[in-house]
Amino acid sequence: MHRSGFVRKGIALGSAFAASMLLTVGHLWADGQYALSNQWEKARERLQLLEDYSNPYTFQQLEQASIQKGWTCLDAGAGLGGVTRWLSDKVGPDGQVDALDMETVFLEEIDKPNVHILKKNLVTDPLPEAKYDFIFARDVLMHIPEREEVVHSLAGALKPGGILMVEDIAILPYGVPYQRLTDDAVLNTTMQNLISTLEEYGHLSFHSGYKNIFYFEDAGLVDANAHSFSPFARGQSSEAKMRHLSLLQLTPVFLKHGYNAETVEQVRQHFLNENARFWGFVRVITTGRKPL
């Protein structure tokens, strides 16, 4: 597959910039590891930007779940904890929110008596059976190759009548999102190819969100439903700044797969250009209920 900015293996990247990228963030990525680790020095900033542009839509969807006082909830892959805090307020002092993540450094800052922090891996660590009235996972399954098995595990952790809601990001068809990101068609194509590379090599999936409803049905959930939303975004927006940081953190991945570091950086900087225009990630919401 042709990639703009692609350098074949065996040709040295040969630049101080490429070396600095590997030294700065390369230690955070290796085969089999999460490519967007919360251990990164700019992880808090990236996650805050993610919450800034995601939370309004997410909270709107959560309101439709009619979460009740006293419920026991699980925030699976809780990240910075914005949804955990929201759920904590909803269920009140008689309820409980378990905030689960593999990296809990930010969650440990939550000072709410009804919030319990769980340092667990959704793939390898079992969940309690029939414990939760409501389970939510945002931008989690897209990072997990075993996503179908994880949906079955989450469904098993629901009480009878309990609700599972998953929000994942996806992309519009190739060529659509970044056609006006810059005035340079080659750079626009490069951005699209960077996204394709992440999916091609299994680092994450930008299409699995469209399959979640089938995983829900296969897990025995009823009243399964899904819908999506895609905003139009501009440079300097919260989503643009989040993309700018994410591309920095993912630079070692792109270098590993043969991209030129200067080209990646050139694309990355365009997200801070106020004239940049692009279609944001598609947010796919899937809900289902465990039978009584």
C-alpha atoms as a PDB file:
ATOM      1  CA  MET A   1       0.000   0.000   0.000  1.00  0.00           C
ATOM      2  CA  HIS A   2       1.373   3.427  -0.883  1.00  0.00           C
ATOM      3  CA  ARG A   3       1.712   5.913   1.936  1.00  0.00           C
ATOM      4  CA  SER A   4       2.633   9.536   1.623  1.00  0.00           C
ATOM      5  CA  GLY A   5       5.670  10.189   3.778  1.00  0.00           C
ATOM      6  CA  PHE A   6       6.520   6.486   3.760  1.00  0.00           C
ATOM      7  CA  VAL A   7      10.141   5.354   4.087  1.00  0.00           C
ATOM      8  CA  ARG A   8      10.954   1.781   3.215  1.00  0.00           C
ATOM      9  CA  LYS A   9      12.607  -0.363   5.842  1.00  0.00           C
ATOM     10  CA  GLY A  10      16.348  -0.424   5.340  1.00  0.00           C
ATOM     11  CA  ILE A  11      16.501   3.301   4.553  1.00  0.00           C
ATOM     12  CA  ALA A  12      17.662   5.237   7.578  1.00  0.00           C
ATOM     13  CA  LEU A  13      15.246   7.766   9.031  1.00  0.00           C
ATOM     14  CA  GLY A  14      18.409   9.794   9.443  1.00  0.00           C
ATOM     15  CA  SER A  15      17.289  12.916  11.254  1.00  0.00           C
ATOM     16  CA  ALA A  16      17.740  14.450  14.664  1.00  0.00           C
ATOM     17  CA  PHE A  17      13.979  14.942  14.851  1.00  0.00           C
ATOM     18  CA  ALA A  18      13.257  11.239  14.317  1.00  0.00           C
ATOM     19  CA  ALA A  19      15.791  10.319  16.979  1.00  0.00           C
ATOM     20  CA  SER A  20      14.332  12.812  19.438  1.00  0.00           C
ATOM     21  CA  MET A  21      10.838  11.397  18.934  1.00  0.00           C
ATOM     22  CA  LEU A  22      12.043   7.903  19.696  1.00  0.00           C
ATOM     23  CA  LEU A  23      13.889   9.075  22.796  1.00  0.00           C
ATOM     24  CA  THR A  24      11.014  11.224  24.013  1.00  0.00           C
ATOM     25  CA  VAL A  25       8.061   8.883  23.702  1.00  0.00           C
ATOM     26  CA  GLY A  26       9.312   5.697  22.091  1.00  0.00           C
ATOM     27  CA  HIS A  27       9.757   3.905  25.408  1.00  0.00           C
ATOM     28  CA  LEU A  28       6.000   4.034  25.921  1.00  0.00           C
ATOM     29  CA  TRP A  29       5.200   1.807  22.981  1.00  0.00           C
ATOM     30  CA  ALA A  30       6.184  -1.732  22.118  1.00  0.00           C
ATOM     31  CA  ASP A  31       4.441  -4.686  20.490  1.00  0.00           C
ATOM     32  CA  GLY A  32       1.519  -5.829  22.609  1.00  0.00           C
ATOM     33  CA  GLN A  33       1.335  -2.668  24.712  1.00  0.00           C
ATOM     34  CA  TYR A  34      -1.331   0.012  24.798  1.00  0.00           C
ATOM     35  CA  ALA A  35      -0.157   2.703  22.385  1.00  0.00           C
ATOM     36  CA  LEU A  36      -1.754   5.595  24.309  1.00  0.00           C
ATOM     37  CA  SER A  37      -0.518   4.887  27.821  1.00  0.00           C
ATOM     38  CA  ASN A  38      -1.505   7.149  30.713  1.00  0.00           C
ATOM     39  CA  GLN A  39       2.132   7.026  31.805  1.00  0.00           C
ATOM     40  CA  TRP A  40       3.044   9.490  29.072  1.00  0.00           C
ATOM     41  CA  GLU A  41       4.054  12.900  30.401  1.00  0.00           C
ATOM     42  CA  LYS A  42       1.317  14.660  28.425  1.00  0.00           C
ATOM     43  CA  ALA A  43      -1.362  12.022  29.069  1.00  0.00           C
ATOM     44  CA  ARG A  44      -3.371  14.205  31.450  1.00  0.00           C
ATOM     45  CA  GLU A  45      -3.537  17.017  28.900  1.00  0.00           C
ATOM     46  CA  ARG A  46      -4.561  14.630  26.121  1.00  0.00           C
ATOM     47  CA  LEU A  47      -7.245  12.972  28.241  1.00  0.00           C
ATOM     48  CA  GLN A  48      -8.600  16.339  29.380  1.00  0.00           C
ATOM     49  CA  LEU A  49      -8.981  17.441  25.764  1.00  0.00           C
ATOM     50  CA  LEU A  50     -10.699  14.135  25.015  1.00  0.00           C
ATOM     51  CA  GLU A  51     -13.153  14.781  27.833  1.00  0.00           C
ATOM     52  CA  ASP A  52     -13.664  18.410  26.816  1.00  0.00           C
ATOM     53  CA  TYR A  53     -15.052  17.491  23.425  1.00  0.00           C
ATOM     54  CA  SER A  54     -16.557  14.092  24.307  1.00  0.00           C
ATOM     55  CA  ASN A  55     -18.311  14.697  27.610  1.00  0.00           C
ATOM     56  CA  PRO A  56     -21.191  16.896  26.414  1.00  0.00           C
ATOM     57  CA  TYR A  57     -22.320  14.203  23.972  1.00  0.00           C
ATOM     58  CA  THR A  58     -21.543  11.367  26.388  1.00  0.00           C
ATOM     59  CA  PHE A  59     -23.492  12.941  29.250  1.00  0.00           C
ATOM     60  CA  GLN A  60     -26.438  13.528  26.923  1.00  0.00           C
ATOM     61  CA  GLN A  61     -26.481   9.800  26.126  1.00  0.00           C
ATOM     62  CA  LEU A  62     -26.032   8.806  29.765  1.00  0.00           C
ATOM     63  CA  GLU A  63     -29.059  10.893  30.740  1.00  0.00           C
ATOM     64  CA  GLN A  64     -31.167   8.659  28.504  1.00  0.00           C
ATOM     65  CA  ALA A  65     -30.194   5.619  30.573  1.00  0.00           C
ATOM     66  CA  SER A  66     -32.284   6.970  33.496  1.00  0.00           C
ATOM     67  CA  ILE A  67     -29.658   6.033  36.062  1.00  0.00           C
ATOM     68  CA  GLN A  68     -31.226   5.846  39.519  1.00  0.00           C
ATOM     69  CA  LYS A  69     -30.124   6.747  43.023  1.00  0.00           C
ATOM     70  CA  GLY A  70     -28.656   3.747  44.803  1.00  0.00           C
ATOM     71  CA  TRP A  71     -27.494   1.972  41.652  1.00  0.00           C
ATOM     72  CA  THR A  72     -24.190   0.122  41.433  1.00  0.00           C
ATOM     73  CA  CYS A  73     -22.285   1.165  38.311  1.00  0.00           C
ATOM     74  CA  LEU A  74     -19.061   0.249  36.552  1.00  0.00           C
ATOM     75  CA  ASP A  75     -17.049   2.750  34.521  1.00  0.00           C
ATOM     76  CA  ALA A  76     -14.846   0.387  32.516  1.00  0.00           C
ATOM     77  CA  GLY A  77     -11.714   2.091  31.215  1.00  0.00           C
ATOM     78  CA  ALA A  78     -12.365   5.185  33.299  1.00  0.00           C
ATOM     79  CA  GLY A  79      -9.319   7.189  32.176  1.00  0.00           C
ATOM     80  CA  LEU A  80      -9.305  10.668  33.700  1.00  0.00           C
ATOM     81  CA  GLY A  81     -12.519   9.979  35.623  1.00  0.00           C
ATOM     82  CA  GLY A  82     -14.972  12.506  34.207  1.00  0.00           C
ATOM     83  CA  VAL A  83     -17.696   9.898  33.652  1.00  0.00           C
ATOM     84  CA  THR A  84     -16.945   8.303  37.030  1.00  0.00           C
ATOM     85  CA  ARG A  85     -17.578  11.632  38.762  1.00  0.00           C
ATOM     86  CA  TRP A  86     -20.793  12.143  36.791  1.00  0.00           C
ATOM     87  CA  LEU A  87     -22.055   8.670  37.717  1.00  0.00           C
ATOM     88  CA  SER A  88     -21.082   9.239  41.352  1.00  0.00           C
ATOM     89  CA  ASP A  89     -23.343  12.262  41.540  1.00  0.00           C
ATOM     90  CA  LYS A  90     -26.183  10.410  39.814  1.00  0.00           C
ATOM     91  CA  VAL A  91     -26.255   7.356  42.092  1.00  0.00           C
ATOM     92  CA  GLY A  92     -25.791   9.395  45.265  1.00  0.00           C
ATOM     93  CA  PRO A  93     -24.411   8.300  48.640  1.00  0.00           C
ATOM     94  CA  ASP A  94     -26.419   5.061  48.665  1.00  0.00           C
ATOM     95  CA  GLY A  95     -25.019   4.020  45.308  1.00  0.00           C
ATOM     96  CA  GLN A  96     -21.585   2.874  44.208  1.00  0.00           C
ATOM     97  CA  VAL A  97     -19.350   3.480  41.192  1.00  0.00           C
ATOM     98  CA  ASP A  98     -16.446   1.164  40.445  1.00  0.00           C
ATOM     99  CA  ALA A  99     -13.883   2.980  38.289  1.00  0.00           C
ATOM    100  CA  LEU A 100     -11.803   0.380  36.437  1.00  0.00           C
ATOM    101  CA  ASP A 101      -8.620   0.968  34.493  1.00  0.00           C
ATOM    102  CA  MET A 102      -5.238  -0.661  33.956  1.00  0.00           C
ATOM    103  CA  GLU A 103      -3.577   2.637  34.886  1.00  0.00           C
ATOM    104  CA  THR A 104      -5.347   4.300  37.798  1.00  0.00           C
ATOM    105  CA  VAL A 105      -3.031   7.229  38.588  1.00  0.00           C
ATOM    106  CA  PHE A 106      -5.663   9.841  37.645  1.00  0.00           C
ATOM    107  CA  LEU A 107      -8.555   7.946  39.208  1.00  0.00           C
ATOM    108  CA  GLU A 108      -6.810   7.866  42.575  1.00  0.00           C
ATOM    109  CA  GLU A 109      -7.399  11.632  42.737  1.00  0.00           C
ATOM    110  CA  ILE A 110     -11.185  11.199  42.959  1.00  0.00           C
ATOM    111  CA  ASP A 111     -12.312  12.044  46.486  1.00  0.00           C
ATOM    112  CA  LYS A 112     -15.819  10.624  46.592  1.00  0.00           C
ATOM    113  CA  PRO A 113     -16.863   8.053  49.204  1.00  0.00           C
ATOM    114  CA  ASN A 114     -19.087   6.127  46.772  1.00  0.00           C
ATOM    115  CA  VAL A 115     -16.271   5.624  44.215  1.00  0.00           C
ATOM    116  CA  HIS A 116     -14.113   2.500  44.351  1.00  0.00           C
ATOM    117  CA  ILE A 117     -10.970   2.262  42.194  1.00  0.00           C
ATOM    118  CA  LEU A 118     -10.243  -1.065  40.485  1.00  0.00           C
ATOM    119  CA  LYS A 119      -6.873  -1.631  38.834  1.00  0.00           C
ATOM    120  CA  LYS A 120      -7.796  -4.399  36.433  1.00  0.00           C
ATOM    121  CA  ASN A 121      -7.374  -5.612  32.872  1.00  0.00           C
ATOM    122  CA  LEU A 122     -10.712  -6.225  31.155  1.00  0.00           C
ATOM    123  CA  VAL A 123      -9.215  -9.022  29.063  1.00  0.00           C
ATOM    124  CA  THR A 124      -7.414 -11.045  31.721  1.00  0.00           C
ATOM    125  CA  ASP A 125      -9.149 -10.168  35.002  1.00  0.00           C
ATOM    126  CA  PRO A 126     -12.628 -11.579  35.681  1.00  0.00           C
ATOM    127  CA  LEU A 127     -15.524  -9.341  36.636  1.00  0.00           C
ATOM    128  CA  PRO A 128     -18.024 -10.236  39.379  1.00  0.00           C
ATOM    129  CA  GLU A 129     -21.179 -11.926  38.171  1.00  0.00           C
ATOM    130  CA  ALA A 130     -24.472 -10.011  38.220  1.00  0.00           C
ATOM    131  CA  LYS A 131     -23.180  -7.075  40.304  1.00  0.00           C
ATOM    132  CA  TYR A 132     -23.989  -3.958  38.286  1.00  0.00           C
ATOM    133  CA  ASP A 133     -27.144  -2.067  37.402  1.00  0.00           C
ATOM    134  CA  PHE A 134     -25.280  -0.069  34.763  1.00  0.00           C
ATOM    135  CA  ILE A 135     -21.957  -0.507  32.944  1.00  0.00           C
ATOM    136  CA  PHE A 136     -20.365   2.099  30.705  1.00  0.00           C
ATOM    137  CA  ALA A 137     -17.224   1.916  28.551  1.00  0.00           C
ATOM    138  CA  ARG A 138     -15.980   4.779  26.373  1.00  0.00           C
ATOM    139  CA  ASP A 139     -13.200   4.470  23.793  1.00  0.00           C
ATOM    140  CA  VAL A 140     -12.225   1.094  25.248  1.00  0.00           C
ATOM    141  CA  LEU A 141     -13.280  -1.780  22.990  1.00  0.00           C
ATOM    142  CA  MET A 142     -11.609  -0.203  19.964  1.00  0.00           C
ATOM    143  CA  HIS A 143      -8.251  -0.806  21.676  1.00  0.00           C
ATOM    144  CA  ILE A 144      -8.952  -4.468  22.534  1.00  0.00           C
ATOM    145  CA  PRO A 145      -8.638  -7.235  19.904  1.00  0.00           C
ATOM    146  CA  GLU A 146     -10.643  -9.524  22.221  1.00  0.00           C
ATOM    147  CA  ARG A 147     -13.533  -7.052  22.227  1.00  0.00           C
ATOM    148  CA  GLU A 148     -16.219  -9.685  21.635  1.00  0.00           C
ATOM    149  CA  GLU A 149     -15.078 -11.688  24.663  1.00  0.00           C
ATOM    150  CA  VAL A 150     -14.978  -8.490  26.743  1.00  0.00           C
ATOM    151  CA  VAL A 151     -18.597  -7.684  25.797  1.00  0.00           C
ATOM    152  CA  HIS A 152     -19.602 -11.153  27.032  1.00  0.00           C
ATOM    153  CA  SER A 153     -17.735 -10.485  30.290  1.00  0.00           C
ATOM    154  CA  LEU A 154     -19.414  -7.099  30.744  1.00  0.00           C
ATOM    155  CA  ALA A 155     -22.817  -8.612  30.011  1.00  0.00           C
ATOM    156  CA  GLY A 156     -22.191 -11.284  32.623  1.00  0.00           C
ATOM    157  CA  ALA A 157     -21.412  -8.610  35.220  1.00  0.00           C
ATOM    158  CA  LEU A 158     -24.858  -7.034  34.796  1.00  0.00           C
ATOM    159  CA  LYS A 159     -27.721  -7.732  37.148  1.00  0.00           C
ATOM    160  CA  PRO A 160     -30.889  -8.999  35.455  1.00  0.00           C
ATOM    161  CA  GLY A 161     -32.391  -5.918  33.841  1.00  0.00           C
ATOM    162  CA  GLY A 162     -29.049  -4.103  33.976  1.00  0.00           C
ATOM    163  CA  ILE A 163     -27.907  -1.856  31.131  1.00  0.00           C
ATOM    164  CA  LEU A 164     -24.656  -1.926  29.158  1.00  0.00           C
ATOM    165  CA  MET A 165     -23.698   1.204  27.210  1.00  0.00           C
ATOM    166  CA  VAL A 166     -20.572   1.365  25.054  1.00  0.00           C
ATOM    167  CA  GLU A 167     -19.273   4.431  23.230  1.00  0.00           C
ATOM    168  CA  ASP A 168     -16.507   3.925  20.670  1.00  0.00           C
ATOM    169  CA  ILE A 169     -15.044   6.180  18.017  1.00  0.00           C
ATOM    170  CA  ALA A 170     -15.090   5.256  14.349  1.00  0.00           C
ATOM    171  CA  ILE A 171     -14.263   7.015  11.086  1.00  0.00           C
ATOM    172  CA  LEU A 172     -16.102   8.071   7.978  1.00  0.00           C
ATOM    173  CA  PRO A 173     -15.212   6.430   4.628  1.00  0.00           C
ATOM    174  CA  TYR A 174     -11.645   6.793   3.355  1.00  0.00           C
ATOM    175  CA  GLY A 175     -10.984  10.221   1.869  1.00  0.00           C
ATOM    176  CA  VAL A 176     -13.893  11.989   3.561  1.00  0.00           C
ATOM    177  CA  PRO A 177     -12.620  13.182   6.982  1.00  0.00           C
ATOM    178  CA  TYR A 178      -9.435  15.031   5.966  1.00  0.00           C
ATOM    179  CA  GLN A 179     -10.125  16.317   2.448  1.00  0.00           C
ATOM    180  CA  ARG A 180      -9.842  19.947   3.672  1.00  0.00           C
ATOM    181  CA  LEU A 181      -7.491  19.494   6.622  1.00  0.00           C
ATOM    182  CA  THR A 182      -4.807  21.424   4.712  1.00  0.00           C
ATOM    183  CA  ASP A 183      -4.383  22.957   1.259  1.00  0.00           C
ATOM    184  CA  ASP A 184      -1.982  20.116   0.411  1.00  0.00           C
ATOM    185  CA  ALA A 185      -3.743  17.025  -0.945  1.00  0.00           C
ATOM    186  CA  VAL A 186      -0.677  14.875  -0.256  1.00  0.00           C
ATOM    187  CA  LEU A 187      -0.645  15.803   3.424  1.00  0.00           C
ATOM    188  CA  ASN A 188      -4.383  15.183   3.659  1.00  0.00           C
ATOM    189  CA  THR A 189      -3.878  11.713   2.217  1.00  0.00           C
ATOM    190  CA  THR A 190      -1.004  11.117   4.626  1.00  0.00           C
ATOM    191  CA  MET A 191      -3.272  11.841   7.597  1.00  0.00           C
ATOM    192  CA  GLN A 192      -5.800   9.339   6.277  1.00  0.00           C
ATOM    193  CA  ASN A 193      -3.035   6.772   5.796  1.00  0.00           C
ATOM    194  CA  LEU A 194      -1.754   7.280   9.344  1.00  0.00           C
ATOM    195  CA  ILE A 195      -5.186   6.324  10.634  1.00  0.00           C
ATOM    196  CA  SER A 196      -5.281   3.320   8.304  1.00  0.00           C
ATOM    197  CA  THR A 197      -1.849   2.181   9.529  1.00  0.00           C
ATOM    198  CA  LEU A 198      -2.999   2.096  13.161  1.00  0.00           C
ATOM    199  CA  GLU A 199      -5.845  -0.190  12.167  1.00  0.00           C
ATOM    200  CA  GLU A 200      -3.874  -2.251   9.671  1.00  0.00           C
ATOM    201  CA  TYR A 201      -1.305  -3.293  12.261  1.00  0.00           C
ATOM    202  CA  GLY A 202      -3.820  -3.940  15.017  1.00  0.00           C
ATOM    203  CA  HIS A 203      -3.017  -1.037  17.336  1.00  0.00           C
ATOM    204  CA  LEU A 204      -6.700  -0.101  17.448  1.00  0.00           C
ATOM    205  CA  SER A 205      -9.849  -0.369  15.360  1.00  0.00           C
ATOM    206  CA  PHE A 206     -11.789   2.500  13.828  1.00  0.00           C
ATOM    207  CA  HIS A 207     -14.523   0.176  12.560  1.00  0.00           C
ATOM    208  CA  SER A 208     -15.251  -2.117  15.502  1.00  0.00           C
ATOM    209  CA  GLY A 209     -17.780   0.358  16.888  1.00  0.00           C
ATOM    210  CA  TYR A 210     -20.074  -0.589  14.020  1.00  0.00           C
ATOM    211  CA  LYS A 211     -19.896  -4.241  15.132  1.00  0.00           C
ATOM    212  CA  ASN A 212     -20.630  -3.738  18.819  1.00  0.00           C
ATOM    213  CA  ILE A 213     -24.375  -4.155  18.408  1.00  0.00           C
ATOM    214  CA  PHE A 214     -23.819  -7.647  17.024  1.00  0.00           C
ATOM    215  CA  TYR A 215     -21.555  -8.474  19.969  1.00  0.00           C
ATOM    216  CA  PHE A 216     -24.337  -7.270  22.283  1.00  0.00           C
ATOM    217  CA  GLU A 217     -26.884  -9.527  20.618  1.00  0.00           C
ATOM    218  CA  ASP A 218     -24.516 -12.500  20.652  1.00  0.00           C
ATOM    219  CA  ALA A 219     -23.946 -11.927  24.387  1.00  0.00           C
ATOM    220  CA  GLY A 220     -27.690 -12.330  24.981  1.00  0.00           C
ATOM    221  CA  LEU A 221     -28.519  -8.676  25.600  1.00  0.00           C
ATOM    222  CA  VAL A 222     -31.977  -7.530  24.539  1.00  0.00           C
ATOM    223  CA  ASP A 223     -33.358  -4.223  23.279  1.00  0.00           C
ATOM    224  CA  ALA A 224     -29.961  -3.666  21.639  1.00  0.00           C
ATOM    225  CA  ASN A 225     -29.763  -0.362  19.800  1.00  0.00           C
ATOM    226  CA  ALA A 226     -27.050   1.785  18.236  1.00  0.00           C
ATOM    227  CA  HIS A 227     -26.690   5.233  16.743  1.00  0.00           C
ATOM    228  CA  SER A 228     -23.846   7.551  15.803  1.00  0.00           C
ATOM    229  CA  PHE A 229     -22.865  11.189  15.605  1.00  0.00           C
ATOM    230  CA  SER A 230     -20.004  12.940  13.804  1.00  0.00           C
ATOM    231  CA  PRO A 231     -19.194  16.624  14.386  1.00  0.00           C
ATOM    232  CA  PHE A 232     -17.472  18.911  11.929  1.00  0.00           C
ATOM    233  CA  ALA A 233     -14.316  20.217  13.575  1.00  0.00           C
ATOM    234  CA  ARG A 234     -11.792  22.998  13.043  1.00  0.00           C
ATOM    235  CA  GLY A 235      -8.190  23.619  13.934  1.00  0.00           C
ATOM    236  CA  GLN A 236      -7.565  24.760  17.506  1.00  0.00           C
ATOM    237  CA  SER A 237     -10.737  23.020  18.721  1.00  0.00           C
ATOM    238  CA  SER A 238     -10.523  20.583  21.628  1.00  0.00           C
ATOM    239  CA  GLU A 239     -10.707  17.647  19.226  1.00  0.00           C
ATOM    240  CA  ALA A 240      -8.007  19.154  17.009  1.00  0.00           C
ATOM    241  CA  LYS A 241      -5.701  19.706  19.990  1.00  0.00           C
ATOM    242  CA  MET A 242      -6.352  16.142  21.138  1.00  0.00           C
ATOM    243  CA  ARG A 243      -5.408  14.850  17.664  1.00  0.00           C
ATOM    244  CA  HIS A 244      -2.275  16.997  17.785  1.00  0.00           C
ATOM    245  CA  LEU A 245      -1.160  15.361  21.052  1.00  0.00           C
ATOM    246  CA  SER A 246      -2.241  11.851  20.075  1.00  0.00           C
ATOM    247  CA  LEU A 247      -0.152  11.985  16.914  1.00  0.00           C
ATOM    248  CA  LEU A 248       2.836  12.983  19.026  1.00  0.00           C
ATOM    249  CA  GLN A 249       2.346  10.056  21.375  1.00  0.00           C
ATOM    250  CA  LEU A 250       1.847   7.699  18.419  1.00  0.00           C
ATOM    251  CA  THR A 251       4.892   8.922  16.492  1.00  0.00           C
ATOM    252  CA  PRO A 252       7.024   5.911  17.526  1.00  0.00           C
ATOM    253  CA  VAL A 253       4.342   3.617  16.111  1.00  0.00           C
ATOM    254  CA  PHE A 254       4.421   5.447  12.773  1.00  0.00           C
ATOM    255  CA  LEU A 255       8.223   5.388  12.685  1.00  0.00           C
ATOM    256  CA  LYS A 256       8.184   1.650  13.357  1.00  0.00           C
ATOM    257  CA  HIS A 257       5.959   1.188  10.327  1.00  0.00           C
ATOM    258  CA  GLY A 258       8.156   3.254   8.039  1.00  0.00           C
ATOM    259  CA  TYR A 259       6.769   6.780   8.069  1.00  0.00           C
ATOM    260  CA  ASN A 260       9.000   9.813   7.897  1.00  0.00           C
ATOM    261  CA  ALA A 261       9.041  11.699  11.203  1.00  0.00           C
ATOM    262  CA  GLU A 262       9.141  15.151   9.627  1.00  0.00           C
ATOM    263  CA  THR A 263       6.080  14.371   7.535  1.00  0.00           C
ATOM    264  CA  VAL A 264       4.145  13.113  10.562  1.00  0.00           C
ATOM    265  CA  GLU A 265       5.083  16.274  12.436  1.00  0.00           C
ATOM    266  CA  GLN A 266       4.013  18.439   9.510  1.00  0.00           C
ATOM    267  CA  VAL A 267       0.592  16.809   9.469  1.00  0.00           C
ATOM    268  CA  ARG A 268       0.335  17.044  13.260  1.00  0.00           C
ATOM    269  CA  GLN A 269       0.968  20.787  13.329  1.00  0.00           C
ATOM    270  CA  HIS A 270      -1.906  21.453  10.928  1.00  0.00           C
ATOM    271  CA  PHE A 271      -4.392  20.558  13.667  1.00  0.00           C
ATOM    272  CA  LEU A 272      -3.308  23.766  15.407  1.00  0.00           C
ATOM    273  CA  ASN A 273      -3.956  25.839  12.281  1.00  0.00           C
ATOM    274  CA  GLU A 274      -7.216  27.737  12.783  1.00  0.00           C
ATOM    275  CA  ASN A 275      -7.975  27.311   9.064  1.00  0.00           C
ATOM    276  CA  ALA A 276      -7.902  23.504   9.272  1.00  0.00           C
ATOM    277  CA  ARG A 277     -11.247  21.804   8.735  1.00  0.00           C
ATOM    278  CA  PHE A 278     -12.044  18.134   9.130  1.00  0.00           C
ATOM    279  CA  TRP A 279     -14.777  15.731  10.071  1.00  0.00           C
ATOM    280  CA  GLY A 280     -14.384  14.598  13.668  1.00  0.00           C
ATOM    281  CA  PHE A 281     -14.417  11.009  14.764  1.00  0.00           C
ATOM    282  CA  VAL A 282     -17.785   9.287  14.567  1.00  0.00           C
ATOM    283  CA  ARG A 283     -19.100   8.511  18.048  1.00  0.00           C
ATOM    284  CA  VAL A 284     -20.995   5.216  18.043  1.00  0.00           C
ATOM    285  CA  ILE A 285     -23.228   4.538  21.042  1.00  0.00           C
ATOM    286  CA  THR A 286     -24.502   1.003  21.616  1.00  0.00           C
ATOM    287  CA  THR A 287     -26.890   0.016  24.400  1.00  0.00           C
ATOM    288  CA  GLY A 288     -28.443  -3.250  25.512  1.00  0.00           C
ATOM    289  CA  ARG A 289     -30.148  -4.744  28.531  1.00  0.00           C
ATOM    290  CA  LYS A 290     -29.705  -8.058  30.314  1.00  0.00           C
ATOM    291  CA  PRO A 291     -32.957 -10.012  30.349  1.00  0.00           C
ATOM    292  CA  LEU A 292     -34.843 -10.249  33.642  1.00  0.00           C
END
